Amino acid sequence: MHEFPSESWTAAFADAVNNNEVYRTHGKPWTFGGVAMVISADPAVGIEDDTGMFLDVHEGECRSATLKTGMDSFADAPFVIVATYERWKKVINGDIDPIKGMMEGKLKMTKGHLPTMLRFVQSSRALVTSATSVPTKFRDE
């Protein structure tokens, strides 16, 4: 089990992405840079500052995944998606589709080009499928 968020969860997520054939296929045309998935600070669950995973994804591969803290640490990320801990938990559990979540404002793209992201619905869903395969221990359970 990997606590979410943590360095071990982030590494396991990267491995799951790289082992996902659907992501490899549908993410092949992605050449737009890395994606940051940021959890808003939530001291109630021990997240004292905005924290997230930066995924260096390129052509269907996750070249690296890094856990970072503070919004400034995501300044170089071409795409930044921010949500509460509860919302990311629902994404990981497969209860929120990431593209639909962005369209409904449940996940906020604070940086990046939404129409570009919308062209990659299948690869975005494959990323979520990868996340659901990571044995996850949530801090509030």
N, C-alpha and C. Protein backbone atom coordinates (compact mmCIF):
# COMPACT_ATOMS: atom_id res chain seq x y z
N MET A 1 0.84 -1.20 0.00
CA MET A 1 0.00 0.00 0.00
C MET A 1 0.87 1.25 0.00
N HIS A 2 0.46 2.22 -0.78
CA HIS A 2 1.19 3.48 -0.86
C HIS A 2 0.28 4.60 -0.38
N GLU A 3 0.76 5.37 0.58
CA GLU A 3 -0.03 6.50 1.06
C GLU A 3 -0.12 7.55 -0.04
N PHE A 4 -1.31 8.13 -0.18
CA PHE A 4 -1.52 9.20 -1.16
C PHE A 4 -1.71 10.52 -0.44
N PRO A 5 -0.95 11.54 -0.84
CA PRO A 5 0.17 11.52 -1.78
C PRO A 5 1.48 11.20 -1.06
N SER A 6 2.39 10.60 -1.78
CA SER A 6 3.72 10.31 -1.24
C SER A 6 4.66 10.01 -2.40
N GLU A 7 5.94 9.99 -2.10
CA GLU A 7 6.92 9.65 -3.14
C GLU A 7 6.71 8.23 -3.63
N SER A 8 6.39 7.30 -2.71
CA SER A 8 6.21 5.91 -3.15
C SER A 8 4.96 5.77 -4.02
N TRP A 9 3.88 6.52 -3.70
CA TRP A 9 2.69 6.47 -4.54
C TRP A 9 3.00 7.02 -5.93
N THR A 10 3.73 8.13 -5.96
CA THR A 10 4.09 8.77 -7.23
C THR A 10 4.91 7.81 -8.10
N ALA A 11 5.87 7.13 -7.50
CA ALA A 11 6.70 6.17 -8.25
C ALA A 11 5.85 5.00 -8.75
N ALA A 12 4.96 4.50 -7.90
CA ALA A 12 4.09 3.39 -8.30
C ALA A 12 3.14 3.81 -9.42
N PHE A 13 2.68 5.05 -9.38
CA PHE A 13 1.81 5.58 -10.42
C PHE A 13 2.57 5.63 -11.75
N ALA A 14 3.80 6.13 -11.73
CA ALA A 14 4.62 6.19 -12.95
C ALA A 14 4.80 4.79 -13.54
N ASP A 15 5.08 3.82 -12.69
CA ASP A 15 5.23 2.43 -13.15
C ASP A 15 3.93 1.93 -13.78
N ALA A 16 2.80 2.23 -13.13
CA ALA A 16 1.51 1.78 -13.64
C ALA A 16 1.20 2.42 -15.00
N VAL A 17 1.57 3.70 -15.16
CA VAL A 17 1.37 4.37 -16.44
C VAL A 17 2.20 3.68 -17.52
N ASN A 18 3.45 3.40 -17.21
CA ASN A 18 4.34 2.78 -18.20
C ASN A 18 3.96 1.33 -18.51
N ASN A 19 3.20 0.70 -17.63
CA ASN A 19 2.73 -0.66 -17.88
C ASN A 19 1.34 -0.71 -18.51
N ASN A 20 0.78 0.46 -18.83
CA ASN A 20 -0.57 0.55 -19.38
C ASN A 20 -0.48 0.69 -20.91
N GLU A 21 -0.80 -0.40 -21.59
CA GLU A 21 -0.72 -0.42 -23.06
C GLU A 21 -1.66 0.60 -23.70
N VAL A 22 -2.84 0.80 -23.10
CA VAL A 22 -3.80 1.78 -23.65
C VAL A 22 -3.19 3.18 -23.59
N TYR A 23 -2.53 3.50 -22.45
CA TYR A 23 -1.89 4.82 -22.37
C TYR A 23 -0.77 4.93 -23.40
N ARG A 24 0.02 3.90 -23.52
CA ARG A 24 1.15 3.92 -24.46
C ARG A 24 0.64 4.21 -25.88
N THR A 25 -0.47 3.59 -26.25
CA THR A 25 -1.03 3.77 -27.59
C THR A 25 -1.65 5.15 -27.76
N HIS A 26 -2.58 5.52 -26.86
CA HIS A 26 -3.30 6.79 -27.02
C HIS A 26 -2.47 8.01 -26.64
N GLY A 27 -1.43 7.80 -25.82
CA GLY A 27 -0.57 8.92 -25.45
C GLY A 27 0.58 9.15 -26.42
N LYS A 28 0.72 8.27 -27.41
CA LYS A 28 1.85 8.37 -28.36
C LYS A 28 1.95 9.75 -29.02
N PRO A 29 0.83 10.37 -29.43
CA PRO A 29 0.95 11.68 -30.06
C PRO A 29 1.20 12.84 -29.08
N TRP A 30 1.19 12.57 -27.76
CA TRP A 30 1.37 13.66 -26.77
C TRP A 30 2.82 14.13 -26.77
N THR A 31 3.02 15.37 -27.21
CA THR A 31 4.35 15.98 -27.22
C THR A 31 4.28 17.39 -26.65
N PHE A 32 3.31 17.61 -25.75
CA PHE A 32 3.02 18.96 -25.26
C PHE A 32 3.62 19.26 -23.90
N GLY A 33 4.39 18.35 -23.36
CA GLY A 33 5.04 18.59 -22.08
C GLY A 33 4.37 17.90 -20.92
N GLY A 34 4.96 18.11 -19.76
CA GLY A 34 4.52 17.44 -18.54
C GLY A 34 3.22 17.98 -17.98
N VAL A 35 2.65 17.16 -17.10
CA VAL A 35 1.39 17.49 -16.46
C VAL A 35 1.56 17.41 -14.95
N ALA A 36 1.13 18.46 -14.25
CA ALA A 36 1.15 18.47 -12.79
C ALA A 36 -0.26 18.28 -12.27
N MET A 37 -0.40 17.34 -11.34
CA MET A 37 -1.68 17.10 -10.69
C MET A 37 -1.49 17.51 -9.23
N VAL A 38 -2.10 18.63 -8.87
CA VAL A 38 -1.83 19.28 -7.59
C VAL A 38 -3.02 19.17 -6.64
N ILE A 39 -2.71 18.79 -5.40
CA ILE A 39 -3.71 18.71 -4.34
C ILE A 39 -3.61 20.00 -3.53
N SER A 40 -4.72 20.70 -3.42
CA SER A 40 -4.74 21.93 -2.61
C SER A 40 -4.40 21.60 -1.16
N ALA A 41 -3.71 22.52 -0.51
CA ALA A 41 -3.37 22.35 0.91
C ALA A 41 -4.62 21.99 1.70
N ASP A 42 -4.47 20.99 2.58
CA ASP A 42 -5.57 20.53 3.42
C ASP A 42 -4.99 20.00 4.73
N PRO A 43 -4.74 20.91 5.70
CA PRO A 43 -4.14 20.49 6.96
C PRO A 43 -4.92 19.38 7.68
N ALA A 44 -6.21 19.27 7.44
CA ALA A 44 -7.02 18.24 8.10
C ALA A 44 -6.55 16.82 7.74
N VAL A 45 -5.92 16.67 6.57
CA VAL A 45 -5.40 15.36 6.18
C VAL A 45 -3.87 15.36 6.11
N GLY A 46 -3.26 16.39 6.72
CA GLY A 46 -1.80 16.45 6.80
C GLY A 46 -1.10 17.00 5.58
N ILE A 47 -1.84 17.69 4.72
CA ILE A 47 -1.23 18.32 3.55
C ILE A 47 -1.15 19.81 3.85
N GLU A 48 0.02 20.22 4.35
CA GLU A 48 0.19 21.59 4.85
C GLU A 48 0.36 22.62 3.73
N ASP A 49 0.82 22.18 2.55
CA ASP A 49 1.04 23.09 1.42
C ASP A 49 0.53 22.38 0.17
N ASP A 50 0.25 23.14 -0.88
CA ASP A 50 -0.15 22.52 -2.14
C ASP A 50 0.90 21.48 -2.51
N THR A 51 0.47 20.28 -2.82
CA THR A 51 1.37 19.16 -3.08
C THR A 51 0.88 18.42 -4.31
N GLY A 52 1.81 17.98 -5.12
CA GLY A 52 1.35 17.25 -6.30
C GLY A 52 2.42 16.47 -7.00
N MET A 53 1.97 15.76 -8.01
CA MET A 53 2.84 14.94 -8.82
C MET A 53 3.08 15.65 -10.14
N PHE A 54 4.34 15.75 -10.52
CA PHE A 54 4.66 16.24 -11.86
C PHE A 54 5.05 15.03 -12.69
N LEU A 55 4.26 14.78 -13.74
CA LEU A 55 4.53 13.66 -14.63
C LEU A 55 5.15 14.18 -15.92
N ASP A 56 6.36 13.74 -16.19
CA ASP A 56 7.02 14.06 -17.45
C ASP A 56 6.56 13.02 -18.46
N VAL A 57 5.43 13.32 -19.11
CA VAL A 57 4.86 12.39 -20.08
C VAL A 57 5.18 12.87 -21.49
N HIS A 58 5.56 11.91 -22.33
CA HIS A 58 5.95 12.25 -23.70
C HIS A 58 5.81 11.00 -24.57
N GLU A 59 5.02 11.13 -25.62
CA GLU A 59 4.85 10.06 -26.61
C GLU A 59 4.50 8.71 -25.98
N GLY A 60 3.53 8.73 -25.07
CA GLY A 60 3.03 7.49 -24.49
C GLY A 60 3.86 6.89 -23.38
N GLU A 61 4.80 7.67 -22.87
CA GLU A 61 5.68 7.18 -21.81
C GLU A 61 5.74 8.20 -20.69
N CYS A 62 5.82 7.71 -19.46
CA CYS A 62 6.07 8.58 -18.32
C CYS A 62 7.57 8.49 -18.05
N ARG A 63 8.30 9.52 -18.48
CA ARG A 63 9.76 9.48 -18.36
C ARG A 63 10.21 9.66 -16.92
N SER A 64 9.42 10.38 -16.14
CA SER A 64 9.70 10.53 -14.71
C SER A 64 8.46 11.07 -14.02
N ALA A 65 8.43 10.87 -12.71
CA ALA A 65 7.33 11.39 -11.89
C ALA A 65 7.94 11.87 -10.59
N THR A 66 7.61 13.10 -10.21
CA THR A 66 8.21 13.72 -9.04
C THR A 66 7.13 14.30 -8.15
N LEU A 67 7.24 14.04 -6.85
CA LEU A 67 6.34 14.67 -5.88
C LEU A 67 6.95 16.02 -5.51
N LYS A 68 6.14 17.07 -5.60
CA LYS A 68 6.63 18.42 -5.30
C LYS A 68 5.66 19.12 -4.36
N THR A 69 6.19 20.12 -3.66
CA THR A 69 5.38 20.88 -2.72
C THR A 69 5.47 22.37 -3.05
N GLY A 70 4.35 23.06 -2.95
CA GLY A 70 4.29 24.50 -3.20
C GLY A 70 4.00 24.79 -4.66
N MET A 71 3.06 25.68 -4.92
CA MET A 71 2.69 26.00 -6.31
C MET A 71 3.87 26.50 -7.12
N ASP A 72 4.82 27.18 -6.49
CA ASP A 72 5.99 27.68 -7.22
C ASP A 72 6.78 26.54 -7.87
N SER A 73 6.75 25.36 -7.27
CA SER A 73 7.53 24.24 -7.81
C SER A 73 6.94 23.70 -9.11
N PHE A 74 5.74 24.16 -9.48
CA PHE A 74 5.11 23.73 -10.72
C PHE A 74 5.15 24.82 -11.79
N ALA A 75 5.94 25.86 -11.56
CA ALA A 75 5.99 27.00 -12.49
C ALA A 75 6.39 26.59 -13.90
N ASP A 76 7.24 25.59 -14.04
CA ASP A 76 7.69 25.16 -15.37
C ASP A 76 6.78 24.13 -16.02
N ALA A 77 5.76 23.67 -15.31
CA ALA A 77 4.86 22.65 -15.87
C ALA A 77 3.97 23.28 -16.94
N PRO A 78 3.92 22.71 -18.15
CA PRO A 78 3.04 23.24 -19.19
C PRO A 78 1.56 23.10 -18.86
N PHE A 79 1.20 22.05 -18.08
CA PHE A 79 -0.18 21.81 -17.69
C PHE A 79 -0.25 21.61 -16.19
N VAL A 80 -1.14 22.35 -15.54
CA VAL A 80 -1.32 22.22 -14.09
C VAL A 80 -2.82 22.05 -13.82
N ILE A 81 -3.15 20.95 -13.15
CA ILE A 81 -4.54 20.67 -12.79
C ILE A 81 -4.60 20.61 -11.26
N VAL A 82 -5.49 21.40 -10.68
CA VAL A 82 -5.58 21.54 -9.22
C VAL A 82 -6.97 21.10 -8.74
N ALA A 83 -6.98 20.37 -7.64
CA ALA A 83 -8.25 19.98 -7.02
C ALA A 83 -8.00 19.70 -5.55
N THR A 84 -9.09 19.57 -4.81
CA THR A 84 -8.99 19.23 -3.40
C THR A 84 -8.57 17.76 -3.25
N TYR A 85 -8.14 17.43 -2.06
CA TYR A 85 -7.79 16.04 -1.74
C TYR A 85 -8.97 15.12 -2.02
N GLU A 86 -10.17 15.52 -1.59
CA GLU A 86 -11.38 14.70 -1.79
C GLU A 86 -11.64 14.44 -3.27
N ARG A 87 -11.45 15.47 -4.10
CA ARG A 87 -11.69 15.30 -5.54
C ARG A 87 -10.66 14.36 -6.16
N TRP A 88 -9.37 14.52 -5.79
CA TRP A 88 -8.36 13.61 -6.34
C TRP A 88 -8.62 12.18 -5.87
N LYS A 89 -9.08 12.04 -4.65
CA LYS A 89 -9.42 10.70 -4.14
C LYS A 89 -10.50 10.07 -5.02
N LYS A 90 -11.49 10.86 -5.41
CA LYS A 90 -12.56 10.36 -6.28
C LYS A 90 -12.03 10.02 -7.68
N VAL A 91 -11.08 10.81 -8.17
CA VAL A 91 -10.47 10.50 -9.46
C VAL A 91 -9.73 9.16 -9.37
N ILE A 92 -8.92 8.99 -8.34
CA ILE A 92 -8.14 7.76 -8.17
C ILE A 92 -9.05 6.55 -7.99
N ASN A 93 -10.18 6.75 -7.32
CA ASN A 93 -11.12 5.65 -7.13
C ASN A 93 -11.99 5.39 -8.37
N GLY A 94 -11.81 6.23 -9.40
CA GLY A 94 -12.57 6.06 -10.64
C GLY A 94 -13.97 6.64 -10.59
N ASP A 95 -14.25 7.49 -9.59
CA ASP A 95 -15.58 8.08 -9.44
C ASP A 95 -15.75 9.38 -10.22
N ILE A 96 -14.64 10.01 -10.61
CA ILE A 96 -14.69 11.24 -11.41
C ILE A 96 -13.82 11.02 -12.64
N ASP A 97 -14.41 11.24 -13.82
CA ASP A 97 -13.66 11.22 -15.07
C ASP A 97 -12.89 12.55 -15.13
N PRO A 98 -11.58 12.50 -15.39
CA PRO A 98 -10.79 13.74 -15.32
C PRO A 98 -11.21 14.81 -16.32
N ILE A 99 -11.53 14.41 -17.54
CA ILE A 99 -11.93 15.40 -18.54
C ILE A 99 -13.29 16.01 -18.16
N LYS A 100 -14.23 15.16 -17.80
CA LYS A 100 -15.54 15.65 -17.37
C LYS A 100 -15.39 16.53 -16.13
N GLY A 101 -14.50 16.13 -15.21
CA GLY A 101 -14.25 16.90 -14.01
C GLY A 101 -13.73 18.30 -14.32
N MET A 102 -12.85 18.39 -15.34
CA MET A 102 -12.34 19.71 -15.74
C MET A 102 -13.46 20.54 -16.37
N MET A 103 -14.28 19.90 -17.19
CA MET A 103 -15.38 20.62 -17.85
C MET A 103 -16.41 21.13 -16.83
N GLU A 104 -16.59 20.37 -15.74
CA GLU A 104 -17.56 20.75 -14.70
C GLU A 104 -16.95 21.63 -13.62
N GLY A 105 -15.65 21.91 -13.70
CA GLY A 105 -14.99 22.74 -12.70
C GLY A 105 -14.63 22.02 -11.42
N LYS A 106 -14.75 20.70 -11.39
CA LYS A 106 -14.36 19.93 -10.20
C LYS A 106 -12.84 19.81 -10.11
N LEU A 107 -12.20 19.80 -11.27
CA LEU A 107 -10.74 19.87 -11.37
C LEU A 107 -10.46 21.14 -12.15
N LYS A 108 -9.54 21.96 -11.66
CA LYS A 108 -9.28 23.24 -12.32
C LYS A 108 -7.94 23.21 -13.04
N MET A 109 -7.98 23.44 -14.34
CA MET A 109 -6.74 23.58 -15.09
C MET A 109 -6.30 25.02 -14.92
N THR A 110 -5.26 25.23 -14.10
CA THR A 110 -4.80 26.58 -13.83
C THR A 110 -3.72 27.02 -14.81
N LYS A 111 -3.21 26.07 -15.58
CA LYS A 111 -2.21 26.38 -16.59
C LYS A 111 -2.31 25.33 -17.68
N GLY A 112 -2.22 25.76 -18.91
CA GLY A 112 -2.29 24.84 -20.03
C GLY A 112 -3.44 25.19 -20.96
N HIS A 113 -3.54 24.44 -22.02
CA HIS A 113 -4.51 24.69 -23.07
C HIS A 113 -5.55 23.57 -23.03
N LEU A 114 -6.75 23.88 -22.53
CA LEU A 114 -7.78 22.87 -22.36
C LEU A 114 -8.14 22.16 -23.67
N PRO A 115 -8.27 22.87 -24.80
CA PRO A 115 -8.58 22.17 -26.05
C PRO A 115 -7.53 21.10 -26.41
N THR A 116 -6.27 21.35 -26.08
CA THR A 116 -5.24 20.33 -26.32
C THR A 116 -5.51 19.12 -25.45
N MET A 117 -5.80 19.35 -24.18
CA MET A 117 -6.09 18.25 -23.26
C MET A 117 -7.32 17.48 -23.72
N LEU A 118 -8.32 18.17 -24.23
CA LEU A 118 -9.55 17.51 -24.67
C LEU A 118 -9.32 16.58 -25.86
N ARG A 119 -8.28 16.82 -26.62
CA ARG A 119 -7.96 15.94 -27.75
C ARG A 119 -7.42 14.60 -27.28
N PHE A 120 -7.08 14.51 -26.00
CA PHE A 120 -6.46 13.29 -25.47
C PHE A 120 -7.33 12.64 -24.40
N VAL A 121 -8.61 12.52 -24.69
CA VAL A 121 -9.55 11.94 -23.73
C VAL A 121 -9.14 10.51 -23.38
N GLN A 122 -8.83 9.70 -24.38
CA GLN A 122 -8.49 8.30 -24.13
C GLN A 122 -7.23 8.16 -23.28
N SER A 123 -6.21 8.97 -23.56
CA SER A 123 -4.98 8.87 -22.77
C SER A 123 -5.21 9.40 -21.35
N SER A 124 -6.05 10.41 -21.20
CA SER A 124 -6.37 10.92 -19.85
C SER A 124 -7.08 9.85 -19.04
N ARG A 125 -8.01 9.15 -19.68
CA ARG A 125 -8.72 8.07 -18.99
C ARG A 125 -7.76 6.93 -18.65
N ALA A 126 -6.81 6.67 -19.54
CA ALA A 126 -5.83 5.60 -19.27
C ALA A 126 -4.94 5.97 -18.08
N LEU A 127 -4.64 7.26 -17.92
CA LEU A 127 -3.88 7.70 -16.75
C LEU A 127 -4.66 7.39 -15.48
N VAL A 128 -5.97 7.67 -15.50
CA VAL A 128 -6.80 7.39 -14.33
C VAL A 128 -6.86 5.88 -14.07
N THR A 129 -6.98 5.10 -15.12
CA THR A 129 -6.98 3.64 -14.96
C THR A 129 -5.67 3.20 -14.29
N SER A 130 -4.58 3.82 -14.69
CA SER A 130 -3.28 3.52 -14.07
C SER A 130 -3.31 3.86 -12.59
N ALA A 131 -3.89 5.01 -12.25
CA ALA A 131 -3.95 5.43 -10.85
C ALA A 131 -4.80 4.47 -10.02
N THR A 132 -5.90 3.97 -10.61
CA THR A 132 -6.76 3.07 -9.87
C THR A 132 -6.08 1.73 -9.59
N SER A 133 -5.04 1.41 -10.36
CA SER A 133 -4.34 0.14 -10.15
C SER A 133 -3.27 0.21 -9.06
N VAL A 134 -2.96 1.41 -8.59
CA VAL A 134 -1.95 1.57 -7.53
C VAL A 134 -2.61 1.24 -6.18
N PRO A 135 -2.03 0.30 -5.41
CA PRO A 135 -2.58 0.01 -4.08
C PRO A 135 -2.44 1.26 -3.20
N THR A 136 -3.57 1.90 -2.91
CA THR A 136 -3.54 3.22 -2.27
C THR A 136 -4.15 3.20 -0.88
N LYS A 137 -3.42 3.84 0.04
CA LYS A 137 -3.93 4.09 1.38
C LYS A 137 -4.18 5.57 1.48
N PHE A 138 -5.46 5.95 1.65
CA PHE A 138 -5.81 7.36 1.77
C PHE A 138 -5.65 7.79 3.22
N ARG A 139 -5.18 9.01 3.40
CA ARG A 139 -4.86 9.53 4.73
C ARG A 139 -6.06 9.63 5.66
N ASP A 140 -7.25 9.77 5.08
CA ASP A 140 -8.45 9.96 5.90
C ASP A 140 -9.24 8.67 6.09
N GLU A 141 -8.62 7.54 5.81
CA GLU A 141 -9.33 6.27 5.99
C GLU A 141 -8.62 5.41 7.01
